[in-house]
Amino acid sequence: MNENQFYTSLEKDLSAQRIIMNKAIDTVLNQEVTNYPIVVLHQADVELGVLLMDGGTVYSKWEIRISSLEEMVAKKVMRSDRVEDFRKVYKDPESFFCLLVLQEEGMQFIFMPRYDQ
């Protein structure tokens, strides 16, 4: 599956979870938990963030968690010397989801519009 196919598949798979993900992002922003919320998507056990939705259900194959840049650094998912580079590419969380997709092949950050644009 190429990158465009993966993105389209991911977008379709997450369509039913957008409301939950939007509420989680709004909550962490409104409560000033972080300015850098990150939605973590994975299929294996991961101790990161707060669980929003179990994976492997009829709704999604992904387990969905809400985390933050600060937690990524604290748990050494991201090196502290990479934080400034990440902040430069991070998109406005009011308009975009920052997704950390964890798979057997590795991990990647993807920015996806929060609302249909």
C-alpha atoms as a PDB file:
ATOM      1  CA  MET A   1       0.000   0.000   0.000  1.00  0.00           C
ATOM      2  CA  ASN A   2       1.496   3.344  -0.991  1.00  0.00           C
ATOM      3  CA  GLU A   3       1.370   6.453   1.195  1.00  0.00           C
ATOM      4  CA  ASN A   4      -1.722   7.955  -0.490  1.00  0.00           C
ATOM      5  CA  GLN A   5      -3.631   4.676  -0.183  1.00  0.00           C
ATOM      6  CA  PHE A   6      -2.633   4.392   3.475  1.00  0.00           C
ATOM      7  CA  TYR A   7      -3.761   7.973   4.195  1.00  0.00           C
ATOM      8  CA  THR A   8      -7.116   7.411   2.445  1.00  0.00           C
ATOM      9  CA  SER A   9      -7.633   4.132   4.312  1.00  0.00           C
ATOM     10  CA  LEU A  10      -6.726   5.753   7.632  1.00  0.00           C
ATOM     11  CA  GLU A  11      -9.040   8.702   7.009  1.00  0.00           C
ATOM     12  CA  LYS A  12     -11.922   6.314   6.229  1.00  0.00           C
ATOM     13  CA  ASP A  13     -11.170   4.124   9.257  1.00  0.00           C
ATOM     14  CA  LEU A  14     -11.150   7.138  11.591  1.00  0.00           C
ATOM     15  CA  SER A  15     -14.274   8.820  10.223  1.00  0.00           C
ATOM     16  CA  ALA A  16     -16.476   7.403  13.001  1.00  0.00           C
ATOM     17  CA  GLN A  17     -13.966   8.463  15.679  1.00  0.00           C
ATOM     18  CA  ARG A  18     -13.603  12.099  14.622  1.00  0.00           C
ATOM     19  CA  ILE A  19     -16.104  13.316  17.221  1.00  0.00           C
ATOM     20  CA  ILE A  20     -14.246  11.577  20.070  1.00  0.00           C
ATOM     21  CA  MET A  21     -10.883  12.777  18.800  1.00  0.00           C
ATOM     22  CA  ASN A  22     -12.158  16.359  18.369  1.00  0.00           C
ATOM     23  CA  LYS A  23     -13.553  16.420  21.919  1.00  0.00           C
ATOM     24  CA  ALA A  24     -10.289  15.083  23.350  1.00  0.00           C
ATOM     25  CA  ILE A  25      -8.217  17.702  21.504  1.00  0.00           C
ATOM     26  CA  ASP A  26     -10.581  20.505  22.561  1.00  0.00           C
ATOM     27  CA  THR A  27     -10.425  19.334  26.181  1.00  0.00           C
ATOM     28  CA  VAL A  28      -6.639  19.269  26.426  1.00  0.00           C
ATOM     29  CA  LEU A  29      -6.384  22.649  24.685  1.00  0.00           C
ATOM     30  CA  ASN A  30      -9.129  24.287  26.785  1.00  0.00           C
ATOM     31  CA  GLN A  31      -7.684  22.917  30.035  1.00  0.00           C
ATOM     32  CA  GLU A  32      -4.223  24.050  28.933  1.00  0.00           C
ATOM     33  CA  VAL A  33      -2.788  20.554  29.370  1.00  0.00           C
ATOM     34  CA  THR A  34      -0.630  21.080  26.283  1.00  0.00           C
ATOM     35  CA  ASN A  35      -0.355  23.218  23.185  1.00  0.00           C
ATOM     36  CA  TYR A  36       0.762  20.118  21.280  1.00  0.00           C
ATOM     37  CA  PRO A  37      -1.884  17.381  21.519  1.00  0.00           C
ATOM     38  CA  ILE A  38      -1.078  14.147  19.714  1.00  0.00           C
ATOM     39  CA  VAL A  39      -3.533  11.378  18.871  1.00  0.00           C
ATOM     40  CA  VAL A  40      -1.780   8.015  19.105  1.00  0.00           C
ATOM     41  CA  LEU A  41      -3.025   5.207  16.856  1.00  0.00           C
ATOM     42  CA  HIS A  42      -1.752   1.687  17.400  1.00  0.00           C
ATOM     43  CA  GLN A  43      -2.704  -1.975  17.256  1.00  0.00           C
ATOM     44  CA  ALA A  44      -0.226  -3.403  19.776  1.00  0.00           C
ATOM     45  CA  ASP A  45      -0.030  -2.645  23.505  1.00  0.00           C
ATOM     46  CA  VAL A  46       1.288   0.854  24.143  1.00  0.00           C
ATOM     47  CA  GLU A  47       1.582   2.686  27.452  1.00  0.00           C
ATOM     48  CA  LEU A  48       1.166   6.188  26.159  1.00  0.00           C
ATOM     49  CA  GLY A  49      -1.502   8.794  26.747  1.00  0.00           C
ATOM     50  CA  VAL A  50      -5.085   8.310  27.815  1.00  0.00           C
ATOM     51  CA  LEU A  51      -7.259   5.689  26.132  1.00  0.00           C
ATOM     52  CA  LEU A  52     -10.084   7.136  24.034  1.00  0.00           C
ATOM     53  CA  MET A  53     -11.197   4.017  22.178  1.00  0.00           C
ATOM     54  CA  ASP A  54     -10.285   0.335  22.166  1.00  0.00           C
ATOM     55  CA  GLY A  55      -9.031  -1.083  18.915  1.00  0.00           C
ATOM     56  CA  GLY A  56     -10.029  -4.215  17.086  1.00  0.00           C
ATOM     57  CA  THR A  57     -13.723  -3.351  17.167  1.00  0.00           C
ATOM     58  CA  VAL A  58     -16.311  -3.011  14.466  1.00  0.00           C
ATOM     59  CA  TYR A  59     -15.638   0.741  14.597  1.00  0.00           C
ATOM     60  CA  SER A  60     -11.876   0.715  14.135  1.00  0.00           C
ATOM     61  CA  LYS A  61      -8.885  -1.579  14.004  1.00  0.00           C
ATOM     62  CA  TRP A  62      -6.906   1.157  15.786  1.00  0.00           C
ATOM     63  CA  GLU A  63      -6.687   1.755  19.497  1.00  0.00           C
ATOM     64  CA  ILE A  64      -6.863   5.510  19.944  1.00  0.00           C
ATOM     65  CA  ARG A  65      -5.180   7.485  22.714  1.00  0.00           C
ATOM     66  CA  ILE A  66      -4.623  11.174  23.409  1.00  0.00           C
ATOM     67  CA  SER A  67      -1.138  12.267  24.374  1.00  0.00           C
ATOM     68  CA  SER A  68       1.111  15.309  24.167  1.00  0.00           C
ATOM     69  CA  LEU A  69       4.498  16.395  22.951  1.00  0.00           C
ATOM     70  CA  GLU A  70       5.609  16.663  26.566  1.00  0.00           C
ATOM     71  CA  GLU A  71       4.709  13.021  27.254  1.00  0.00           C
ATOM     72  CA  MET A  72       6.466  11.933  24.050  1.00  0.00           C
ATOM     73  CA  VAL A  73       9.675  13.526  25.323  1.00  0.00           C
ATOM     74  CA  ALA A  74       9.246  12.289  28.917  1.00  0.00           C
ATOM     75  CA  LYS A  75       8.734   8.682  27.717  1.00  0.00           C
ATOM     76  CA  LYS A  76      11.563   8.994  25.199  1.00  0.00           C
ATOM     77  CA  VAL A  77       9.355   8.427  22.174  1.00  0.00           C
ATOM     78  CA  MET A  78      10.865  11.658  20.867  1.00  0.00           C
ATOM     79  CA  ARG A  79      14.361  12.851  21.591  1.00  0.00           C
ATOM     80  CA  SER A  80      14.513  16.208  23.360  1.00  0.00           C
ATOM     81  CA  ASP A  81      16.882  17.567  20.709  1.00  0.00           C
ATOM     82  CA  ARG A  82      14.126  17.056  18.086  1.00  0.00           C
ATOM     83  CA  VAL A  83      11.434  19.087  19.881  1.00  0.00           C
ATOM     84  CA  GLU A  84      12.139  22.394  18.118  1.00  0.00           C
ATOM     85  CA  ASP A  85      12.090  20.707  14.699  1.00  0.00           C
ATOM     86  CA  PHE A  86       8.777  19.089  15.597  1.00  0.00           C
ATOM     87  CA  ARG A  87       7.279  22.400  16.761  1.00  0.00           C
ATOM     88  CA  LYS A  88       8.219  23.978  13.422  1.00  0.00           C
ATOM     89  CA  VAL A  89       6.223  21.412  11.421  1.00  0.00           C
ATOM     90  CA  TYR A  90       3.368  20.991  13.921  1.00  0.00           C
ATOM     91  CA  LYS A  91       0.114  22.286  12.433  1.00  0.00           C
ATOM     92  CA  ASP A  92      -2.552  24.304  14.235  1.00  0.00           C
ATOM     93  CA  PRO A  93      -4.370  21.837  16.553  1.00  0.00           C
ATOM     94  CA  GLU A  94      -7.595  23.820  16.101  1.00  0.00           C
ATOM     95  CA  SER A  95      -7.601  22.736  12.447  1.00  0.00           C
ATOM     96  CA  PHE A  96      -5.527  19.542  12.282  1.00  0.00           C
ATOM     97  CA  PHE A  97      -5.117  16.268  14.119  1.00  0.00           C
ATOM     98  CA  CYS A  98      -1.514  15.378  14.810  1.00  0.00           C
ATOM     99  CA  LEU A  99      -1.563  11.584  14.547  1.00  0.00           C
ATOM    100  CA  LEU A 100       1.260   9.364  15.713  1.00  0.00           C
ATOM    101  CA  VAL A 101       0.709   6.097  13.858  1.00  0.00           C
ATOM    102  CA  LEU A 102       2.554   3.132  15.386  1.00  0.00           C
ATOM    103  CA  GLN A 103       2.865   0.026  13.234  1.00  0.00           C
ATOM    104  CA  GLU A 104       5.214  -2.922  12.924  1.00  0.00           C
ATOM    105  CA  GLU A 105       7.003  -1.046  10.129  1.00  0.00           C
ATOM    106  CA  GLY A 106       7.741   1.854  12.471  1.00  0.00           C
ATOM    107  CA  MET A 107       6.122   5.097  13.494  1.00  0.00           C
ATOM    108  CA  GLN A 108       5.119   8.203  11.622  1.00  0.00           C
ATOM    109  CA  PHE A 109       3.453  11.510  12.310  1.00  0.00           C
ATOM    110  CA  ILE A 110       0.567  12.454  10.042  1.00  0.00           C
ATOM    111  CA  PHE A 111      -1.408  15.697  10.050  1.00  0.00           C
ATOM    112  CA  MET A 112      -5.045  15.273   9.037  1.00  0.00           C
ATOM    113  CA  PRO A 113      -7.716  17.977   8.884  1.00  0.00           C
ATOM    114  CA  ARG A 114     -10.005  17.889  11.916  1.00  0.00           C
ATOM    115  CA  TYR A 115     -13.003  18.986   9.882  1.00  0.00           C
ATOM    116  CA  ASP A 116     -13.962  18.575   6.252  1.00  0.00           C
ATOM    117  CA  GLN A 117     -12.239  21.320   4.320  1.00  0.00           C
END
